[in-house]
All heavy atoms as atom14 arrays in JSON, in Angstrom:
{
  "sequence": "TSMSKLPKLKKLNVKRNPFPDPTQQEEPVDSIKRTETLYLVQEK",
  "atom14_mask": [
    [1, 1, 1, 1, 1, 1, 1, 0, 0, 0, 0, 0, 0, 0],
    [1, 1, 1, 1, 1, 1, 0, 0, 0, 0, 0, 0, 0, 0],
    [1, 1, 1, 1, 1, 1, 1, 1, 0, 0, 0, 0, 0, 0],
    [1, 1, 1, 1, 1, 1, 0, 0, 0, 0, 0, 0, 0, 0],
    [1, 1, 1, 1, 1, 1, 1, 1, 1, 0, 0, 0, 0, 0],
    [1, 1, 1, 1, 1, 1, 1, 1, 0, 0, 0, 0, 0, 0],
    [1, 1, 1, 1, 1, 1, 1, 0, 0, 0, 0, 0, 0, 0],
    [1, 1, 1, 1, 1, 1, 1, 1, 1, 0, 0, 0, 0, 0],
    [1, 1, 1, 1, 1, 1, 1, 1, 0, 0, 0, 0, 0, 0],
    [1, 1, 1, 1, 1, 1, 1, 1, 1, 0, 0, 0, 0, 0],
    [1, 1, 1, 1, 1, 1, 1, 1, 1, 0, 0, 0, 0, 0],
    [1, 1, 1, 1, 1, 1, 1, 1, 0, 0, 0, 0, 0, 0],
    [1, 1, 1, 1, 1, 1, 1, 1, 0, 0, 0, 0, 0, 0],
    [1, 1, 1, 1, 1, 1, 1, 0, 0, 0, 0, 0, 0, 0],
    [1, 1, 1, 1, 1, 1, 1, 1, 1, 0, 0, 0, 0, 0],
    [1, 1, 1, 1, 1, 1, 1, 1, 1, 1, 1, 0, 0, 0],
    [1, 1, 1, 1, 1, 1, 1, 1, 0, 0, 0, 0, 0, 0],
    [1, 1, 1, 1, 1, 1, 1, 0, 0, 0, 0, 0, 0, 0],
    [1, 1, 1, 1, 1, 1, 1, 1, 1, 1, 1, 0, 0, 0],
    [1, 1, 1, 1, 1, 1, 1, 0, 0, 0, 0, 0, 0, 0],
    [1, 1, 1, 1, 1, 1, 1, 1, 0, 0, 0, 0, 0, 0],
    [1, 1, 1, 1, 1, 1, 1, 0, 0, 0, 0, 0, 0, 0],
    [1, 1, 1, 1, 1, 1, 1, 0, 0, 0, 0, 0, 0, 0],
    [1, 1, 1, 1, 1, 1, 1, 1, 1, 0, 0, 0, 0, 0],
    [1, 1, 1, 1, 1, 1, 1, 1, 1, 0, 0, 0, 0, 0],
    [1, 1, 1, 1, 1, 1, 1, 1, 1, 0, 0, 0, 0, 0],
    [1, 1, 1, 1, 1, 1, 1, 1, 1, 0, 0, 0, 0, 0],
    [1, 1, 1, 1, 1, 1, 1, 0, 0, 0, 0, 0, 0, 0],
    [1, 1, 1, 1, 1, 1, 1, 0, 0, 0, 0, 0, 0, 0],
    [1, 1, 1, 1, 1, 1, 1, 1, 0, 0, 0, 0, 0, 0],
    [1, 1, 1, 1, 1, 1, 0, 0, 0, 0, 0, 0, 0, 0],
    [1, 1, 1, 1, 1, 1, 1, 1, 0, 0, 0, 0, 0, 0],
    [1, 1, 1, 1, 1, 1, 1, 1, 1, 0, 0, 0, 0, 0],
    [1, 1, 1, 1, 1, 1, 1, 1, 1, 1, 1, 0, 0, 0],
    [1, 1, 1, 1, 1, 1, 1, 0, 0, 0, 0, 0, 0, 0],
    [1, 1, 1, 1, 1, 1, 1, 1, 1, 0, 0, 0, 0, 0],
    [1, 1, 1, 1, 1, 1, 1, 0, 0, 0, 0, 0, 0, 0],
    [1, 1, 1, 1, 1, 1, 1, 1, 0, 0, 0, 0, 0, 0],
    [1, 1, 1, 1, 1, 1, 1, 1, 1, 1, 1, 1, 0, 0],
    [1, 1, 1, 1, 1, 1, 1, 1, 0, 0, 0, 0, 0, 0],
    [1, 1, 1, 1, 1, 1, 1, 0, 0, 0, 0, 0, 0, 0],
    [1, 1, 1, 1, 1, 1, 1, 1, 1, 0, 0, 0, 0, 0],
    [1, 1, 1, 1, 1, 1, 1, 1, 1, 0, 0, 0, 0, 0],
    [1, 1, 1, 1, 1, 1, 1, 1, 1, 0, 0, 0, 0, 0]
  ],
  "atom14_positions": [
    [[78.48, 132.39, 61.65], [78.79, 133.79, 61.41], [80.08, 134.0, 60.64], [80.22, 135.0, 59.92], [78.87, 134.57, 62.73], [79.84, 133.92, 63.58], [77.52, 134.55, 63.45], [0.0, 0.0, 0.0], [0.0, 0.0, 0.0], [0.0, 0.0, 0.0], [0.0, 0.0, 0.0], [0.0, 0.0, 0.0], [0.0, 0.0, 0.0], [0.0, 0.0, 0.0]],
    [[80.97, 133.04, 60.75], [82.24, 133.15, 60.03], [82.02, 133.17, 58.5], [82.79, 133.83, 57.79], [83.16, 132.0, 60.38], [82.57, 130.76, 60.08], [0.0, 0.0, 0.0], [0.0, 0.0, 0.0], [0.0, 0.0, 0.0], [0.0, 0.0, 0.0], [0.0, 0.0, 0.0], [0.0, 0.0, 0.0], [0.0, 0.0, 0.0], [0.0, 0.0, 0.0]],
    [[80.92, 132.57, 58.03], [80.65, 132.57, 56.61], [80.19, 133.96, 56.16], [80.55, 134.45, 55.07], [79.56, 131.54, 56.27], [79.97, 130.1, 56.51], [81.24, 129.56, 55.35], [80.35, 129.55, 53.84], [0.0, 0.0, 0.0], [0.0, 0.0, 0.0], [0.0, 0.0, 0.0], [0.0, 0.0, 0.0], [0.0, 0.0, 0.0], [0.0, 0.0, 0.0]],
    [[79.42, 134.61, 57.02], [78.9, 135.95, 56.64], [79.97, 137.01, 56.66], [79.79, 138.13, 56.11], [77.78, 136.35, 57.62], [78.29, 136.44, 58.96], [0.0, 0.0, 0.0], [0.0, 0.0, 0.0], [0.0, 0.0, 0.0], [0.0, 0.0, 0.0], [0.0, 0.0, 0.0], [0.0, 0.0, 0.0], [0.0, 0.0, 0.0], [0.0, 0.0, 0.0]],
    [[81.15, 136.7, 57.25], [82.21, 137.7, 57.31], [83.25, 137.51, 56.18], [84.27, 138.2, 56.16], [82.91, 137.55, 58.68], [82.01, 137.93, 59.83], [82.73, 137.81, 61.17], [81.83, 138.2, 62.32], [82.51, 138.0, 63.62], [0.0, 0.0, 0.0], [0.0, 0.0, 0.0], [0.0, 0.0, 0.0], [0.0, 0.0, 0.0], [0.0, 0.0, 0.0]],
    [[82.99, 136.56, 55.26], [83.9, 136.39, 54.16], [83.91, 137.65, 53.26], [82.86, 138.06, 52.77], [83.46, 135.19, 53.27], [83.66, 133.82, 53.99], [83.01, 132.71, 53.13], [85.16, 133.51, 54.22], [0.0, 0.0, 0.0], [0.0, 0.0, 0.0], [0.0, 0.0, 0.0], [0.0, 0.0, 0.0], [0.0, 0.0, 0.0], [0.0, 0.0, 0.0]],
    [[85.0, 138.31, 53.1], [85.08, 139.64, 52.48], [84.68, 139.68, 51.01], [84.2, 140.71, 50.53], [86.51, 140.04, 52.67], [87.28, 138.78, 52.77], [86.36, 137.81, 53.48], [0.0, 0.0, 0.0], [0.0, 0.0, 0.0], [0.0, 0.0, 0.0], [0.0, 0.0, 0.0], [0.0, 0.0, 0.0], [0.0, 0.0, 0.0], [0.0, 0.0, 0.0]],
    [[84.85, 138.61, 50.27], [84.6, 138.61, 48.81], [83.36, 137.79, 48.41], [83.07, 137.66, 47.19], [85.81, 138.14, 48.07], [87.05, 139.01, 48.25], [88.23, 138.55, 47.41], [89.44, 139.45, 47.61], [90.59, 138.98, 46.75], [0.0, 0.0, 0.0], [0.0, 0.0, 0.0], [0.0, 0.0, 0.0], [0.0, 0.0, 0.0], [0.0, 0.0, 0.0]],
    [[82.63, 137.26, 49.36], [81.5, 136.43, 49.06], [80.4, 137.21, 48.38], [79.89, 138.18, 48.9], [80.96, 135.78, 50.36], [79.91, 134.67, 50.17], [80.47, 133.5, 49.41], [79.37, 134.25, 51.49], [0.0, 0.0, 0.0], [0.0, 0.0, 0.0], [0.0, 0.0, 0.0], [0.0, 0.0, 0.0], [0.0, 0.0, 0.0], [0.0, 0.0, 0.0]],
    [[79.96, 136.74, 47.2], [78.91, 137.41, 46.43], [77.68, 136.55, 46.3], [76.57, 137.08, 46.14], [79.43, 137.75, 45.05], [80.52, 138.8, 45.03], [80.95, 139.12, 43.59], [82.05, 140.17, 43.57], [82.45, 140.49, 42.15], [0.0, 0.0, 0.0], [0.0, 0.0, 0.0], [0.0, 0.0, 0.0], [0.0, 0.0, 0.0], [0.0, 0.0, 0.0]],
    [[77.82, 135.24, 46.39], [76.69, 134.35, 46.19], [76.7, 133.23, 47.21], [77.72, 132.5, 47.31], [76.7, 133.77, 44.75], [75.5, 132.91, 44.44], [75.55, 132.41, 43.0], [74.36, 131.51, 42.69], [74.39, 131.05, 41.29], [0.0, 0.0, 0.0], [0.0, 0.0, 0.0], [0.0, 0.0, 0.0], [0.0, 0.0, 0.0], [0.0, 0.0, 0.0]],
    [[75.63, 133.05, 47.93], [75.48, 131.96, 48.92], [74.15, 131.29, 48.71], [73.11, 131.87, 48.93], [75.59, 132.5, 50.36], [75.43, 131.5, 51.48], [76.48, 130.39, 51.42], [75.44, 132.15, 52.85], [0.0, 0.0, 0.0], [0.0, 0.0, 0.0], [0.0, 0.0, 0.0], [0.0, 0.0, 0.0], [0.0, 0.0, 0.0], [0.0, 0.0, 0.0]],
    [[74.18, 130.05, 48.21], [72.97, 129.31, 47.94], [72.71, 128.31, 49.04], [73.41, 127.31, 49.18], [73.12, 128.6, 46.58], [71.84, 127.9, 46.13], [70.88, 127.76, 46.91], [71.78, 127.48, 44.88], [0.0, 0.0, 0.0], [0.0, 0.0, 0.0], [0.0, 0.0, 0.0], [0.0, 0.0, 0.0], [0.0, 0.0, 0.0], [0.0, 0.0, 0.0]],
    [[71.66, 128.55, 49.84], [71.3, 127.68, 50.95], [69.84, 127.18, 50.78], [69.17, 126.87, 51.79], [71.51, 128.36, 52.31], [72.96, 128.63, 52.56], [70.7, 129.69, 52.38], [0.0, 0.0, 0.0], [0.0, 0.0, 0.0], [0.0, 0.0, 0.0], [0.0, 0.0, 0.0], [0.0, 0.0, 0.0], [0.0, 0.0, 0.0], [0.0, 0.0, 0.0]],
    [[69.37, 127.13, 49.59], [67.98, 126.74, 49.37], [67.7, 125.3, 49.81], [68.57, 124.46, 49.86], [67.63, 126.85, 47.89], [67.64, 128.28, 47.33], [67.28, 128.28, 45.87], [67.28, 129.71, 45.33], [66.96, 129.75, 43.88], [0.0, 0.0, 0.0], [0.0, 0.0, 0.0], [0.0, 0.0, 0.0], [0.0, 0.0, 0.0], [0.0, 0.0, 0.0]],
    [[66.45, 125.08, 50.23], [65.95, 123.74, 50.66], [66.76, 123.13, 51.76], [67.18, 121.99, 51.66], [65.9, 122.81, 49.39], [64.87, 123.27, 48.34], [64.86, 122.37, 47.16], [66.12, 122.4, 46.45], [66.5, 123.32, 45.55], [65.69, 124.35, 45.29], [67.66, 123.27, 44.94], [0.0, 0.0, 0.0], [0.0, 0.0, 0.0], [0.0, 0.0, 0.0]],
    [[66.99, 123.92, 52.8], [67.52, 123.41, 54.05], [66.48, 123.63, 55.14], [65.67, 124.54, 55.03], [68.83, 124.18, 54.43], [70.03, 123.61, 53.74], [70.57, 122.57, 54.14], [70.47, 124.28, 52.65], [0.0, 0.0, 0.0], [0.0, 0.0, 0.0], [0.0, 0.0, 0.0], [0.0, 0.0, 0.0], [0.0, 0.0, 0.0], [0.0, 0.0, 0.0]],
    [[66.46, 122.84, 56.19], [65.42, 122.94, 57.22], [65.67, 124.08, 58.24], [65.74, 123.82, 59.44], [65.41, 121.56, 57.89], [66.86, 121.08, 57.75], [67.3, 121.63, 56.41], [0.0, 0.0, 0.0], [0.0, 0.0, 0.0], [0.0, 0.0, 0.0], [0.0, 0.0, 0.0], [0.0, 0.0, 0.0], [0.0, 0.0, 0.0], [0.0, 0.0, 0.0]],
    [[65.85, 125.28, 57.77], [66.01, 126.41, 58.64], [64.76, 126.68, 59.46], [63.65, 126.48, 58.89], [66.45, 127.65, 57.85], [67.78, 127.57, 57.2], [67.87, 127.58, 55.85], [68.93, 127.46, 57.99], [69.12, 127.53, 55.22], [70.18, 127.36, 57.37], [70.27, 127.37, 55.97], [0.0, 0.0, 0.0], [0.0, 0.0, 0.0], [0.0, 0.0, 0.0]],
    [[64.86, 127.21, 60.68], [63.65, 127.55, 61.43], [62.87, 128.65, 60.7], [63.44, 129.52, 60.08], [64.25, 128.08, 62.78], [65.59, 127.5, 62.86], [66.08, 127.38, 61.47], [0.0, 0.0, 0.0], [0.0, 0.0, 0.0], [0.0, 0.0, 0.0], [0.0, 0.0, 0.0], [0.0, 0.0, 0.0], [0.0, 0.0, 0.0], [0.0, 0.0, 0.0]],
    [[61.55, 128.54, 60.82], [60.67, 129.48, 60.15], [60.74, 130.85, 60.9], [60.3, 130.93, 62.04], [59.25, 128.95, 60.14], [58.31, 129.84, 59.33], [58.77, 130.9, 58.84], [57.11, 129.49, 59.22], [0.0, 0.0, 0.0], [0.0, 0.0, 0.0], [0.0, 0.0, 0.0], [0.0, 0.0, 0.0], [0.0, 0.0, 0.0], [0.0, 0.0, 0.0]],
    [[61.22, 131.92, 60.26], [61.37, 133.19, 60.97], [60.0, 133.81, 61.26], [59.88, 134.71, 62.13], [62.15, 134.06, 59.98], [61.87, 133.47, 58.65], [61.72, 131.99, 58.86], [0.0, 0.0, 0.0], [0.0, 0.0, 0.0], [0.0, 0.0, 0.0], [0.0, 0.0, 0.0], [0.0, 0.0, 0.0], [0.0, 0.0, 0.0], [0.0, 0.0, 0.0]],
    [[58.95, 133.37, 60.57], [57.62, 133.93, 60.78], [56.88, 133.31, 61.96], [55.86, 133.76, 62.38], [56.76, 133.84, 59.52], [56.58, 132.44, 59.2], [57.43, 134.51, 58.37], [0.0, 0.0, 0.0], [0.0, 0.0, 0.0], [0.0, 0.0, 0.0], [0.0, 0.0, 0.0], [0.0, 0.0, 0.0], [0.0, 0.0, 0.0], [0.0, 0.0, 0.0]],
    [[57.42, 132.18, 62.43], [56.75, 131.42, 63.51], [56.87, 132.23, 64.81], [57.94, 132.63, 65.23], [57.38, 130.09, 63.7], [56.65, 129.19, 64.68], [57.28, 127.8, 64.76], [58.25, 127.51, 64.08], [56.67, 126.93, 65.53], [0.0, 0.0, 0.0], [0.0, 0.0, 0.0], [0.0, 0.0, 0.0], [0.0, 0.0, 0.0], [0.0, 0.0, 0.0]],
    [[55.76, 132.43, 65.47], [55.72, 133.22, 66.69], [56.28, 132.41, 67.86], [56.1, 131.16, 67.91], [54.28, 133.68, 67.05], [53.69, 134.63, 66.03], [52.34, 135.06, 66.43], [51.75, 134.56, 67.38], [51.8, 136.09, 65.75], [0.0, 0.0, 0.0], [0.0, 0.0, 0.0], [0.0, 0.0, 0.0], [0.0, 0.0, 0.0], [0.0, 0.0, 0.0]],
    [[56.91, 133.08, 68.75], [57.43, 132.43, 69.93], [56.34, 132.01, 70.89], [55.28, 132.67, 70.91], [58.44, 133.34, 70.69], [59.69, 133.64, 69.81], [60.65, 134.49, 70.6], [60.32, 134.85, 71.77], [61.74, 134.8, 70.06], [0.0, 0.0, 0.0], [0.0, 0.0, 0.0], [0.0, 0.0, 0.0], [0.0, 0.0, 0.0], [0.0, 0.0, 0.0]],
    [[56.52, 131.02, 71.64], [55.53, 130.59, 72.64], [55.43, 131.63, 73.74], [56.39, 132.34, 74.06], [55.96, 129.23, 73.26], [55.96, 128.12, 72.2], [56.34, 126.79, 72.88], [56.57, 126.8, 74.1], [56.39, 125.79, 72.18], [0.0, 0.0, 0.0], [0.0, 0.0, 0.0], [0.0, 0.0, 0.0], [0.0, 0.0, 0.0], [0.0, 0.0, 0.0]],
    [[54.24, 131.77, 74.37], [54.1, 132.74, 75.47], [55.09, 132.44, 76.56], [55.42, 131.33, 76.89], [52.65, 132.48, 75.94], [51.97, 131.84, 74.77], [53.0, 131.07, 74.06], [0.0, 0.0, 0.0], [0.0, 0.0, 0.0], [0.0, 0.0, 0.0], [0.0, 0.0, 0.0], [0.0, 0.0, 0.0], [0.0, 0.0, 0.0], [0.0, 0.0, 0.0]],
    [[55.59, 133.53, 77.15], [56.57, 133.4, 78.23], [55.89, 132.88, 79.5], [54.88, 133.4, 79.93], [57.25, 134.73, 78.54], [58.24, 134.64, 79.65], [57.91, 135.3, 77.27], [0.0, 0.0, 0.0], [0.0, 0.0, 0.0], [0.0, 0.0, 0.0], [0.0, 0.0, 0.0], [0.0, 0.0, 0.0], [0.0, 0.0, 0.0], [0.0, 0.0, 0.0]],
    [[56.41, 131.79, 80.02], [55.86, 131.25, 81.25], [56.19, 132.16, 82.43], [57.28, 132.64, 82.6], [56.51, 129.85, 81.5], [55.86, 129.2, 82.7], [56.36, 129.42, 83.8], [54.91, 128.43, 82.51], [0.0, 0.0, 0.0], [0.0, 0.0, 0.0], [0.0, 0.0, 0.0], [0.0, 0.0, 0.0], [0.0, 0.0, 0.0], [0.0, 0.0, 0.0]],
    [[55.14, 132.39, 83.28], [55.31, 133.35, 84.37], [56.37, 132.93, 85.37], [57.1, 133.76, 85.92], [53.97, 133.58, 85.1], [53.5, 132.33, 85.57], [0.0, 0.0, 0.0], [0.0, 0.0, 0.0], [0.0, 0.0, 0.0], [0.0, 0.0, 0.0], [0.0, 0.0, 0.0], [0.0, 0.0, 0.0], [0.0, 0.0, 0.0], [0.0, 0.0, 0.0]],
    [[56.46, 131.63, 85.61], [57.46, 131.11, 86.58], [58.84, 131.29, 86.03], [59.78, 131.68, 86.75], [57.15, 129.68, 86.95], [55.75, 129.56, 87.57], [58.2, 129.13, 87.88], [55.61, 130.42, 88.81], [0.0, 0.0, 0.0], [0.0, 0.0, 0.0], [0.0, 0.0, 0.0], [0.0, 0.0, 0.0], [0.0, 0.0, 0.0], [0.0, 0.0, 0.0]],
    [[58.98, 131.06, 84.7], [60.29, 131.24, 84.09], [60.74, 132.68, 84.18], [61.92, 133.0, 84.39], [60.27, 130.82, 82.61], [60.12, 129.28, 82.46], [60.15, 128.95, 80.97], [60.04, 127.44, 80.78], [60.02, 127.05, 79.32], [0.0, 0.0, 0.0], [0.0, 0.0, 0.0], [0.0, 0.0, 0.0], [0.0, 0.0, 0.0], [0.0, 0.0, 0.0]],
    [[59.81, 133.59, 84.04], [60.12, 135.06, 84.17], [60.59, 135.34, 85.59], [61.53, 136.06, 85.82], [58.92, 135.91, 83.81], [58.6, 135.9, 82.34], [57.46, 136.86, 82.06], [57.79, 138.2, 82.41], [56.9, 139.2, 82.45], [55.64, 138.99, 82.17], [57.29, 140.39, 82.77], [0.0, 0.0, 0.0], [0.0, 0.0, 0.0], [0.0, 0.0, 0.0]],
    [[59.89, 134.77, 86.57], [60.23, 135.01, 87.98], [61.63, 134.53, 88.31], [62.38, 135.14, 89.03], [59.22, 134.29, 88.88], [57.92, 134.79, 88.59], [59.53, 134.62, 90.35], [0.0, 0.0, 0.0], [0.0, 0.0, 0.0], [0.0, 0.0, 0.0], [0.0, 0.0, 0.0], [0.0, 0.0, 0.0], [0.0, 0.0, 0.0], [0.0, 0.0, 0.0]],
    [[62.04, 133.42, 87.68], [63.35, 132.88, 87.94], [64.49, 133.72, 87.47], [65.63, 133.6, 87.9], [63.48, 131.48, 87.31], [62.59, 130.43, 88.0], [62.65, 129.08, 87.31], [63.18, 129.07, 86.16], [62.22, 128.11, 87.89], [0.0, 0.0, 0.0], [0.0, 0.0, 0.0], [0.0, 0.0, 0.0], [0.0, 0.0, 0.0], [0.0, 0.0, 0.0]],
    [[64.15, 134.63, 86.58], [65.24, 135.53, 86.06], [65.26, 136.86, 86.78], [66.03, 137.73, 86.4], [64.95, 135.8, 84.57], [63.76, 136.52, 84.4], [64.94, 134.51, 83.77], [0.0, 0.0, 0.0], [0.0, 0.0, 0.0], [0.0, 0.0, 0.0], [0.0, 0.0, 0.0], [0.0, 0.0, 0.0], [0.0, 0.0, 0.0], [0.0, 0.0, 0.0]],
    [[64.38, 137.05, 87.83], [64.36, 138.28, 88.54], [64.79, 138.08, 89.98], [64.78, 136.98, 90.5], [62.91, 138.84, 88.52], [62.31, 139.14, 87.15], [60.86, 139.51, 87.29], [63.08, 140.25, 86.49], [0.0, 0.0, 0.0], [0.0, 0.0, 0.0], [0.0, 0.0, 0.0], [0.0, 0.0, 0.0], [0.0, 0.0, 0.0], [0.0, 0.0, 0.0]],
    [[65.19, 139.19, 90.59], [65.56, 139.19, 92.02], [64.27, 139.2, 92.9], [63.32, 139.86, 92.55], [66.44, 140.35, 92.4], [67.79, 140.28, 91.73], [68.09, 141.09, 90.67], [68.78, 139.41, 92.24], [69.33, 141.01, 90.05], [70.02, 139.39, 91.64], [70.26, 140.16, 90.52], [71.52, 140.12, 89.92], [0.0, 0.0, 0.0], [0.0, 0.0, 0.0]],
    [[64.27, 138.46, 94.01], [63.16, 138.44, 94.9], [63.51, 139.14, 96.21], [64.55, 138.89, 96.8], [62.78, 136.97, 95.19], [62.43, 136.11, 93.99], [62.13, 134.68, 94.4], [61.18, 136.7, 93.26], [0.0, 0.0, 0.0], [0.0, 0.0, 0.0], [0.0, 0.0, 0.0], [0.0, 0.0, 0.0], [0.0, 0.0, 0.0], [0.0, 0.0, 0.0]],
    [[62.6, 140.07, 96.62], [62.85, 140.81, 97.83], [61.55, 140.83, 98.67], [60.45, 140.5, 98.12], [63.33, 142.26, 97.6], [64.6, 142.25, 96.84], [62.24, 143.02, 96.82], [0.0, 0.0, 0.0], [0.0, 0.0, 0.0], [0.0, 0.0, 0.0], [0.0, 0.0, 0.0], [0.0, 0.0, 0.0], [0.0, 0.0, 0.0], [0.0, 0.0, 0.0]],
    [[61.63, 141.16, 99.92], [60.45, 141.26, 100.77], [59.92, 142.68, 100.77], [60.64, 143.64, 100.5], [60.78, 140.83, 102.17], [61.21, 139.32, 102.24], [61.36, 138.84, 103.66], [60.86, 139.49, 104.6], [62.04, 137.75, 103.82], [0.0, 0.0, 0.0], [0.0, 0.0, 0.0], [0.0, 0.0, 0.0], [0.0, 0.0, 0.0], [0.0, 0.0, 0.0]],
    [[58.66, 142.82, 101.12], [57.96, 144.1, 101.03], [58.62, 145.13, 101.89], [58.67, 146.35, 101.55], [56.49, 143.97, 101.45], [55.68, 143.09, 100.43], [54.23, 143.07, 100.84], [53.77, 143.89, 101.64], [53.49, 142.17, 100.37], [0.0, 0.0, 0.0], [0.0, 0.0, 0.0], [0.0, 0.0, 0.0], [0.0, 0.0, 0.0], [0.0, 0.0, 0.0]],
    [[59.1, 144.77, 103.06], [59.67, 145.78, 103.98], [60.93, 146.46, 103.45], [61.36, 147.49, 103.97], [60.0, 145.08, 105.34], [61.08, 144.01, 105.23], [61.26, 143.32, 106.57], [62.39, 142.27, 106.52], [63.68, 142.85, 106.16], [0.0, 0.0, 0.0], [0.0, 0.0, 0.0], [0.0, 0.0, 0.0], [0.0, 0.0, 0.0], [0.0, 0.0, 0.0]]
  ]
}
């Protein structure tokens, strides 16, 4: 991010680097992983 904050930068050539494909869809969220991020309480 420090590069994007350069105040006078006009040209940045980063062609042909193995950047992640932004169009690639994320994998489905695993239900157990979701549960691990939530609080667990009892019905009462």
